[in-house]
Amino acid sequence: MTTKLLIGLDGQSSGDRALSFAENLAKLIGTAELLVVYVIEWSPYSFQTPEENAERHKRREEEISTAMERVVTPALARLEAAGIKAQGMVRHGNVADSLDSIAAKQNASQIIVGRSTETGLSKRIFGSSTANLVMGANVPVTVVN
């Protein structure tokens, strides 16, 4: 039976640490598949004109393409070179909710993320994506320091 692990990348060094941890864990497990995910924060709550919505959709598609090219594809190449089966995706939405939802849909046994790099006022008001994920996920979450 294959164990599926979801790795949440953030395009920062914390994501690299999470990927390294997941790579090592996959080697220990032996029959693991990694799902590499990058979530772009995106709020659907906005009142805009049809023209603004069209521009927003175009920008959204560009962001997905850029994130796939700069973050996900290099991670997949690294895992493939190590002989680890992996697939990748980029989504828009709330990071914690999106990772938890994808884990459920993909039957992942755990989520692996790097410790949040958020600081300052926004972290105190809204909390970090990592903390929100740990508190609300439906599968175990490993936070790599």
N, C-alpha and C. Protein backbone atom coordinates (compact mmCIF):
# COMPACT_ATOMS: atom_id res chain seq x y z
N MET A 1 0.83 -1.18 0.00
CA MET A 1 0.00 0.00 0.00
C MET A 1 0.88 1.25 0.00
N THR A 2 0.54 2.18 -0.85
CA THR A 2 1.31 3.41 -0.98
C THR A 2 0.83 4.45 0.03
N THR A 3 1.77 5.08 0.71
CA THR A 3 1.46 6.16 1.62
C THR A 3 1.58 7.47 0.87
N LYS A 4 0.55 8.31 0.95
CA LYS A 4 0.57 9.58 0.25
C LYS A 4 0.82 10.70 1.26
N LEU A 5 1.84 11.51 0.96
CA LEU A 5 2.21 12.64 1.81
C LEU A 5 2.02 13.93 1.02
N LEU A 6 1.37 14.92 1.63
CA LEU A 6 1.19 16.22 1.00
C LEU A 6 2.21 17.18 1.56
N ILE A 7 2.96 17.85 0.69
CA ILE A 7 3.95 18.83 1.11
C ILE A 7 3.49 20.20 0.66
N GLY A 8 3.29 21.09 1.62
CA GLY A 8 2.91 22.46 1.32
C GLY A 8 4.15 23.32 1.18
N LEU A 9 4.37 23.84 -0.01
CA LEU A 9 5.52 24.71 -0.26
C LEU A 9 5.11 26.16 -0.19
N ASP A 10 6.07 27.01 0.18
CA ASP A 10 5.78 28.44 0.25
C ASP A 10 6.74 29.28 -0.60
N GLY A 11 7.62 28.61 -1.34
CA GLY A 11 8.57 29.34 -2.17
C GLY A 11 9.72 29.94 -1.38
N GLN A 12 9.80 29.60 -0.10
CA GLN A 12 10.85 30.11 0.78
C GLN A 12 11.71 28.95 1.29
N SER A 13 12.69 29.26 2.11
CA SER A 13 13.55 28.21 2.66
C SER A 13 12.78 27.25 3.56
N SER A 14 11.71 27.71 4.18
CA SER A 14 10.91 26.81 5.02
C SER A 14 10.26 25.71 4.18
N GLY A 15 9.87 26.04 2.97
CA GLY A 15 9.32 25.05 2.05
C GLY A 15 10.39 24.05 1.62
N ASP A 16 11.61 24.54 1.43
CA ASP A 16 12.71 23.64 1.08
C ASP A 16 12.99 22.64 2.20
N ARG A 17 12.91 23.12 3.44
CA ARG A 17 13.12 22.22 4.59
C ARG A 17 12.00 21.18 4.67
N ALA A 18 10.78 21.60 4.40
CA ALA A 18 9.66 20.65 4.40
C ALA A 18 9.84 19.62 3.30
N LEU A 19 10.30 20.04 2.14
CA LEU A 19 10.52 19.11 1.03
C LEU A 19 11.62 18.12 1.36
N SER A 20 12.70 18.59 1.96
CA SER A 20 13.80 17.69 2.36
C SER A 20 13.32 16.66 3.38
N PHE A 21 12.55 17.11 4.35
CA PHE A 21 12.01 16.19 5.35
C PHE A 21 11.12 15.14 4.69
N ALA A 22 10.24 15.58 3.80
CA ALA A 22 9.32 14.66 3.12
C ALA A 22 10.09 13.68 2.24
N GLU A 23 11.12 14.15 1.59
CA GLU A 23 11.94 13.28 0.74
C GLU A 23 12.58 12.18 1.58
N ASN A 24 13.15 12.55 2.72
CA ASN A 24 13.76 11.56 3.61
C ASN A 24 12.72 10.59 4.16
N LEU A 25 11.56 11.11 4.53
CA LEU A 25 10.49 10.26 5.06
C LEU A 25 10.01 9.28 3.98
N ALA A 26 9.87 9.75 2.75
CA ALA A 26 9.44 8.87 1.65
C ALA A 26 10.43 7.73 1.45
N LYS A 27 11.72 8.02 1.57
CA LYS A 27 12.73 6.98 1.42
C LYS A 27 12.63 5.95 2.55
N LEU A 28 12.33 6.42 3.76
CA LEU A 28 12.17 5.50 4.89
C LEU A 28 10.92 4.62 4.74
N ILE A 29 9.85 5.21 4.24
CA ILE A 29 8.60 4.48 4.06
C ILE A 29 8.75 3.46 2.94
N GLY A 30 9.40 3.85 1.87
CA GLY A 30 9.65 2.95 0.75
C GLY A 30 8.60 3.01 -0.34
N THR A 31 7.35 2.99 -0.01
CA THR A 31 6.28 3.06 -1.02
C THR A 31 5.43 4.30 -0.75
N ALA A 32 6.03 5.44 -0.99
CA ALA A 32 5.33 6.70 -0.74
C ALA A 32 5.20 7.49 -2.04
N GLU A 33 4.13 8.25 -2.11
CA GLU A 33 3.92 9.19 -3.20
C GLU A 33 3.76 10.57 -2.58
N LEU A 34 4.47 11.54 -3.12
CA LEU A 34 4.42 12.90 -2.59
C LEU A 34 3.57 13.78 -3.48
N LEU A 35 2.74 14.58 -2.85
CA LEU A 35 1.92 15.56 -3.53
C LEU A 35 2.43 16.93 -3.13
N VAL A 36 3.06 17.61 -4.06
CA VAL A 36 3.68 18.92 -3.81
C VAL A 36 2.67 20.00 -4.18
N VAL A 37 2.33 20.85 -3.18
CA VAL A 37 1.27 21.84 -3.37
C VAL A 37 1.76 23.23 -2.99
N TYR A 38 1.44 24.19 -3.84
CA TYR A 38 1.70 25.60 -3.55
C TYR A 38 0.36 26.31 -3.59
N VAL A 39 0.01 27.02 -2.53
CA VAL A 39 -1.27 27.72 -2.47
C VAL A 39 -1.00 29.23 -2.48
N ILE A 40 -1.65 29.90 -3.41
CA ILE A 40 -1.56 31.35 -3.51
C ILE A 40 -2.75 31.92 -2.75
N GLU A 41 -2.47 32.72 -1.73
CA GLU A 41 -3.57 33.34 -0.97
C GLU A 41 -4.47 34.11 -1.92
N TRP A 42 -5.75 33.87 -1.82
CA TRP A 42 -6.69 34.48 -2.75
C TRP A 42 -8.04 34.58 -2.07
N SER A 43 -8.58 35.75 -2.02
CA SER A 43 -9.89 35.94 -1.44
C SER A 43 -10.94 36.05 -2.55
N PRO A 44 -11.99 35.25 -2.47
CA PRO A 44 -13.05 35.35 -3.47
C PRO A 44 -14.01 36.51 -3.18
N TYR A 45 -13.83 37.16 -2.05
CA TYR A 45 -14.76 38.20 -1.63
C TYR A 45 -14.29 39.56 -2.10
N SER A 46 -14.82 39.97 -3.23
CA SER A 46 -14.46 41.26 -3.77
C SER A 46 -15.59 41.73 -4.69
N PHE A 47 -15.88 42.99 -4.63
CA PHE A 47 -16.92 43.55 -5.47
C PHE A 47 -16.24 44.33 -6.59
N GLN A 48 -16.35 43.79 -7.80
CA GLN A 48 -15.67 44.39 -8.92
C GLN A 48 -16.58 44.42 -10.14
N THR A 49 -16.14 45.21 -11.10
CA THR A 49 -16.85 45.28 -12.37
C THR A 49 -16.51 44.04 -13.20
N PRO A 50 -17.28 43.75 -14.24
CA PRO A 50 -16.94 42.62 -15.11
C PRO A 50 -15.54 42.75 -15.72
N GLU A 51 -15.13 43.97 -16.05
CA GLU A 51 -13.79 44.18 -16.62
C GLU A 51 -12.71 43.85 -15.58
N GLU A 52 -12.94 44.28 -14.34
CA GLU A 52 -11.98 43.98 -13.28
C GLU A 52 -11.91 42.48 -13.01
N ASN A 53 -13.05 41.81 -13.07
CA ASN A 53 -13.07 40.36 -12.88
C ASN A 53 -12.30 39.64 -13.99
N ALA A 54 -12.43 40.11 -15.22
CA ALA A 54 -11.70 39.51 -16.34
C ALA A 54 -10.20 39.69 -16.14
N GLU A 55 -9.79 40.88 -15.71
CA GLU A 55 -8.37 41.14 -15.45
C GLU A 55 -7.87 40.28 -14.28
N ARG A 56 -8.69 40.15 -13.27
CA ARG A 56 -8.33 39.35 -12.10
C ARG A 56 -8.14 37.88 -12.49
N HIS A 57 -9.03 37.37 -13.35
CA HIS A 57 -8.91 35.98 -13.81
C HIS A 57 -7.61 35.78 -14.59
N LYS A 58 -7.29 36.74 -15.45
CA LYS A 58 -6.04 36.66 -16.22
C LYS A 58 -4.84 36.66 -15.28
N ARG A 59 -4.84 37.55 -14.29
CA ARG A 59 -3.75 37.63 -13.33
C ARG A 59 -3.64 36.34 -12.54
N ARG A 60 -4.78 35.76 -12.19
CA ARG A 60 -4.80 34.50 -11.44
C ARG A 60 -4.13 33.38 -12.24
N GLU A 61 -4.47 33.28 -13.51
CA GLU A 61 -3.87 32.25 -14.37
C GLU A 61 -2.36 32.46 -14.51
N GLU A 62 -1.94 33.71 -14.61
CA GLU A 62 -0.50 34.02 -14.69
C GLU A 62 0.21 33.61 -13.40
N GLU A 63 -0.42 33.87 -12.26
CA GLU A 63 0.18 33.50 -10.97
C GLU A 63 0.34 31.99 -10.84
N ILE A 64 -0.67 31.25 -11.29
CA ILE A 64 -0.59 29.79 -11.23
C ILE A 64 0.57 29.30 -12.08
N SER A 65 0.68 29.81 -13.28
CA SER A 65 1.76 29.41 -14.19
C SER A 65 3.13 29.73 -13.61
N THR A 66 3.27 30.93 -13.06
CA THR A 66 4.54 31.35 -12.48
C THR A 66 4.91 30.48 -11.28
N ALA A 67 3.96 30.22 -10.39
CA ALA A 67 4.23 29.39 -9.22
C ALA A 67 4.60 27.97 -9.62
N MET A 68 3.93 27.44 -10.61
CA MET A 68 4.25 26.09 -11.09
C MET A 68 5.68 26.05 -11.61
N GLU A 69 6.03 27.05 -12.42
CA GLU A 69 7.35 27.10 -13.03
C GLU A 69 8.47 27.32 -12.01
N ARG A 70 8.26 28.23 -11.07
CA ARG A 70 9.34 28.63 -10.16
C ARG A 70 9.43 27.79 -8.88
N VAL A 71 8.31 27.21 -8.44
CA VAL A 71 8.32 26.51 -7.16
C VAL A 71 8.06 25.02 -7.31
N VAL A 72 6.96 24.66 -7.94
CA VAL A 72 6.53 23.26 -7.96
C VAL A 72 7.37 22.40 -8.91
N THR A 73 7.57 22.86 -10.13
CA THR A 73 8.32 22.05 -11.11
C THR A 73 9.75 21.74 -10.64
N PRO A 74 10.50 22.70 -10.09
CA PRO A 74 11.83 22.34 -9.58
C PRO A 74 11.76 21.31 -8.44
N ALA A 75 10.76 21.40 -7.58
CA ALA A 75 10.60 20.42 -6.50
C ALA A 75 10.32 19.03 -7.07
N LEU A 76 9.46 18.97 -8.08
CA LEU A 76 9.15 17.69 -8.71
C LEU A 76 10.39 17.09 -9.38
N ALA A 77 11.19 17.92 -10.03
CA ALA A 77 12.42 17.45 -10.68
C ALA A 77 13.38 16.89 -9.64
N ARG A 78 13.49 17.55 -8.51
CA ARG A 78 14.36 17.08 -7.43
C ARG A 78 13.90 15.71 -6.92
N LEU A 79 12.59 15.56 -6.72
CA LEU A 79 12.06 14.29 -6.22
C LEU A 79 12.21 13.18 -7.26
N GLU A 80 11.97 13.51 -8.52
CA GLU A 80 12.13 12.53 -9.58
C GLU A 80 13.58 12.04 -9.66
N ALA A 81 14.53 12.97 -9.53
CA ALA A 81 15.95 12.61 -9.55
C ALA A 81 16.31 11.68 -8.39
N ALA A 82 15.57 11.80 -7.28
CA ALA A 82 15.80 10.95 -6.12
C ALA A 82 15.03 9.63 -6.22
N GLY A 83 14.28 9.46 -7.31
CA GLY A 83 13.53 8.23 -7.50
C GLY A 83 12.23 8.16 -6.73
N ILE A 84 11.67 9.32 -6.40
CA ILE A 84 10.43 9.38 -5.61
C ILE A 84 9.28 9.80 -6.52
N LYS A 85 8.20 9.04 -6.45
CA LYS A 85 7.01 9.35 -7.24
C LYS A 85 6.35 10.59 -6.65
N ALA A 86 6.04 11.56 -7.52
CA ALA A 86 5.44 12.81 -7.03
C ALA A 86 4.59 13.46 -8.11
N GLN A 87 3.63 14.23 -7.66
CA GLN A 87 2.84 15.07 -8.55
C GLN A 87 2.70 16.44 -7.89
N GLY A 88 2.38 17.45 -8.68
CA GLY A 88 2.31 18.79 -8.13
C GLY A 88 1.09 19.55 -8.59
N MET A 89 0.74 20.56 -7.80
CA MET A 89 -0.38 21.42 -8.16
C MET A 89 -0.24 22.78 -7.48
N VAL A 90 -0.88 23.76 -8.11
CA VAL A 90 -0.96 25.11 -7.56
C VAL A 90 -2.43 25.45 -7.46
N ARG A 91 -2.82 26.03 -6.33
CA ARG A 91 -4.21 26.43 -6.12
C ARG A 91 -4.25 27.83 -5.53
N HIS A 92 -5.39 28.49 -5.69
CA HIS A 92 -5.66 29.76 -5.04
C HIS A 92 -6.61 29.51 -3.88
N GLY A 93 -6.45 30.25 -2.79
CA GLY A 93 -7.37 30.14 -1.68
C GLY A 93 -6.69 30.36 -0.35
N ASN A 94 -7.40 30.05 0.70
CA ASN A 94 -6.84 30.10 2.04
C ASN A 94 -5.87 28.93 2.17
N VAL A 95 -4.65 29.19 2.61
CA VAL A 95 -3.61 28.17 2.64
C VAL A 95 -4.02 26.97 3.49
N ALA A 96 -4.40 27.21 4.73
CA ALA A 96 -4.74 26.11 5.64
C ALA A 96 -5.93 25.31 5.12
N ASP A 97 -6.98 25.99 4.72
CA ASP A 97 -8.17 25.30 4.22
C ASP A 97 -7.88 24.53 2.94
N SER A 98 -7.10 25.12 2.05
CA SER A 98 -6.79 24.48 0.77
C SER A 98 -5.95 23.22 0.98
N LEU A 99 -4.91 23.30 1.81
CA LEU A 99 -4.07 22.13 2.05
C LEU A 99 -4.88 21.01 2.69
N ASP A 100 -5.73 21.35 3.66
CA ASP A 100 -6.55 20.33 4.32
C ASP A 100 -7.53 19.70 3.32
N SER A 101 -8.14 20.50 2.50
CA SER A 101 -9.10 20.01 1.51
C SER A 101 -8.43 19.10 0.48
N ILE A 102 -7.28 19.51 -0.01
CA ILE A 102 -6.55 18.70 -0.99
C ILE A 102 -6.11 17.39 -0.35
N ALA A 103 -5.63 17.44 0.90
CA ALA A 103 -5.23 16.21 1.59
C ALA A 103 -6.39 15.24 1.68
N ALA A 104 -7.57 15.74 1.98
CA ALA A 104 -8.75 14.88 2.09
C ALA A 104 -9.12 14.28 0.74
N LYS A 105 -9.14 15.11 -0.30
CA LYS A 105 -9.51 14.63 -1.64
C LYS A 105 -8.51 13.63 -2.19
N GLN A 106 -7.25 13.81 -1.84
CA GLN A 106 -6.19 12.95 -2.37
C GLN A 106 -5.87 11.77 -1.44
N ASN A 107 -6.58 11.67 -0.32
CA ASN A 107 -6.34 10.60 0.66
C ASN A 107 -4.92 10.60 1.20
N ALA A 108 -4.40 11.79 1.45
CA ALA A 108 -3.06 11.90 2.04
C ALA A 108 -3.11 11.51 3.51
N SER A 109 -2.08 10.83 3.96
CA SER A 109 -2.06 10.40 5.35
C SER A 109 -1.50 11.47 6.28
N GLN A 110 -0.78 12.44 5.71
CA GLN A 110 -0.30 13.56 6.52
C GLN A 110 0.10 14.71 5.64
N ILE A 111 0.18 15.89 6.27
CA ILE A 111 0.60 17.12 5.60
C ILE A 111 1.92 17.55 6.23
N ILE A 112 2.87 17.92 5.39
CA ILE A 112 4.18 18.38 5.86
C ILE A 112 4.38 19.81 5.38
N VAL A 113 4.66 20.71 6.30
CA VAL A 113 4.89 22.12 5.96
C VAL A 113 6.09 22.63 6.75
N GLY A 114 6.64 23.74 6.30
CA GLY A 114 7.69 24.42 7.04
C GLY A 114 7.08 25.38 8.04
N ARG A 115 7.83 25.67 9.07
CA ARG A 115 7.36 26.65 10.06
C ARG A 115 7.14 27.99 9.38
N SER A 116 6.07 28.64 9.72
CA SER A 116 5.69 29.90 9.10
C SER A 116 6.75 30.96 9.29
N THR A 117 6.90 31.77 8.26
CA THR A 117 7.84 32.89 8.34
C THR A 117 7.12 34.21 8.56
N GLU A 118 5.80 34.14 8.79
CA GLU A 118 5.03 35.37 9.02
C GLU A 118 5.44 36.00 10.35
N THR A 119 5.51 37.32 10.37
CA THR A 119 5.85 38.03 11.60
C THR A 119 5.00 39.28 11.70
N GLY A 120 5.10 39.92 12.84
CA GLY A 120 4.50 41.22 13.00
C GLY A 120 3.01 41.22 13.26
N LEU A 121 2.40 42.34 12.92
CA LEU A 121 1.00 42.59 13.22
C LEU A 121 0.06 41.59 12.55
N SER A 122 0.31 41.25 11.28
CA SER A 122 -0.59 40.34 10.58
C SER A 122 -0.64 38.97 11.26
N LYS A 123 0.50 38.51 11.78
CA LYS A 123 0.52 37.22 12.47
C LYS A 123 -0.28 37.30 13.77
N ARG A 124 -0.15 38.40 14.49
CA ARG A 124 -0.88 38.54 15.76
C ARG A 124 -2.38 38.66 15.54
N ILE A 125 -2.78 39.30 14.46
CA ILE A 125 -4.21 39.49 14.21
C ILE A 125 -4.83 38.24 13.58
N PHE A 126 -4.21 37.72 12.55
CA PHE A 126 -4.81 36.64 11.78
C PHE A 126 -4.26 35.26 12.12
N GLY A 127 -3.13 35.19 12.78
CA GLY A 127 -2.49 33.91 13.02
C GLY A 127 -1.74 33.48 11.78
N SER A 128 -0.86 32.53 11.92
CA SER A 128 -0.11 32.07 10.76
C SER A 128 -0.87 30.97 10.04
N SER A 129 -0.60 30.81 8.77
CA SER A 129 -1.22 29.73 8.00
C SER A 129 -0.88 28.37 8.61
N THR A 130 0.36 28.23 9.07
CA THR A 130 0.79 26.97 9.67
C THR A 130 0.01 26.68 10.94
N ALA A 131 -0.12 27.68 11.80
CA ALA A 131 -0.87 27.48 13.05
C ALA A 131 -2.33 27.14 12.76
N ASN A 132 -2.93 27.83 11.80
CA ASN A 132 -4.32 27.54 11.44
C ASN A 132 -4.46 26.13 10.89
N LEU A 133 -3.49 25.68 10.12
CA LEU A 133 -3.52 24.33 9.57
C LEU A 133 -3.42 23.30 10.68
N VAL A 134 -2.48 23.49 11.58
CA VAL A 134 -2.31 22.54 12.69
C VAL A 134 -3.58 22.43 13.52
N MET A 135 -4.23 23.56 13.77
CA MET A 135 -5.43 23.55 14.61
C MET A 135 -6.64 22.96 13.89
N GLY A 136 -6.69 23.04 12.56
CA GLY A 136 -7.92 22.63 11.88
C GLY A 136 -7.82 21.45 10.94
N ALA A 137 -6.63 20.90 10.73
CA ALA A 137 -6.48 19.82 9.75
C ALA A 137 -7.15 18.53 10.21
N ASN A 138 -7.59 17.77 9.24
CA ASN A 138 -8.23 16.49 9.50
C ASN A 138 -7.26 15.31 9.42
N VAL A 139 -6.01 15.59 9.09
CA VAL A 139 -4.96 14.57 9.10
C VAL A 139 -3.78 15.14 9.90
N PRO A 140 -2.86 14.28 10.36
CA PRO A 140 -1.70 14.80 11.09
C PRO A 140 -0.90 15.79 10.25
N VAL A 141 -0.36 16.78 10.94
CA VAL A 141 0.47 17.81 10.29
C VAL A 141 1.85 17.78 10.94
N THR A 142 2.88 17.67 10.11
CA THR A 142 4.25 17.77 10.59
C THR A 142 4.76 19.14 10.20
N VAL A 143 5.24 19.89 11.20
CA VAL A 143 5.81 21.21 10.95
C VAL A 143 7.31 21.12 11.11
N VAL A 144 8.02 21.42 10.02
CA VAL A 144 9.48 21.31 10.00
C VAL A 144 10.07 22.66 10.36
N ASN A 145 10.99 22.65 11.30
CA ASN A 145 11.63 23.87 11.76
C ASN A 145 12.74 24.30 10.84
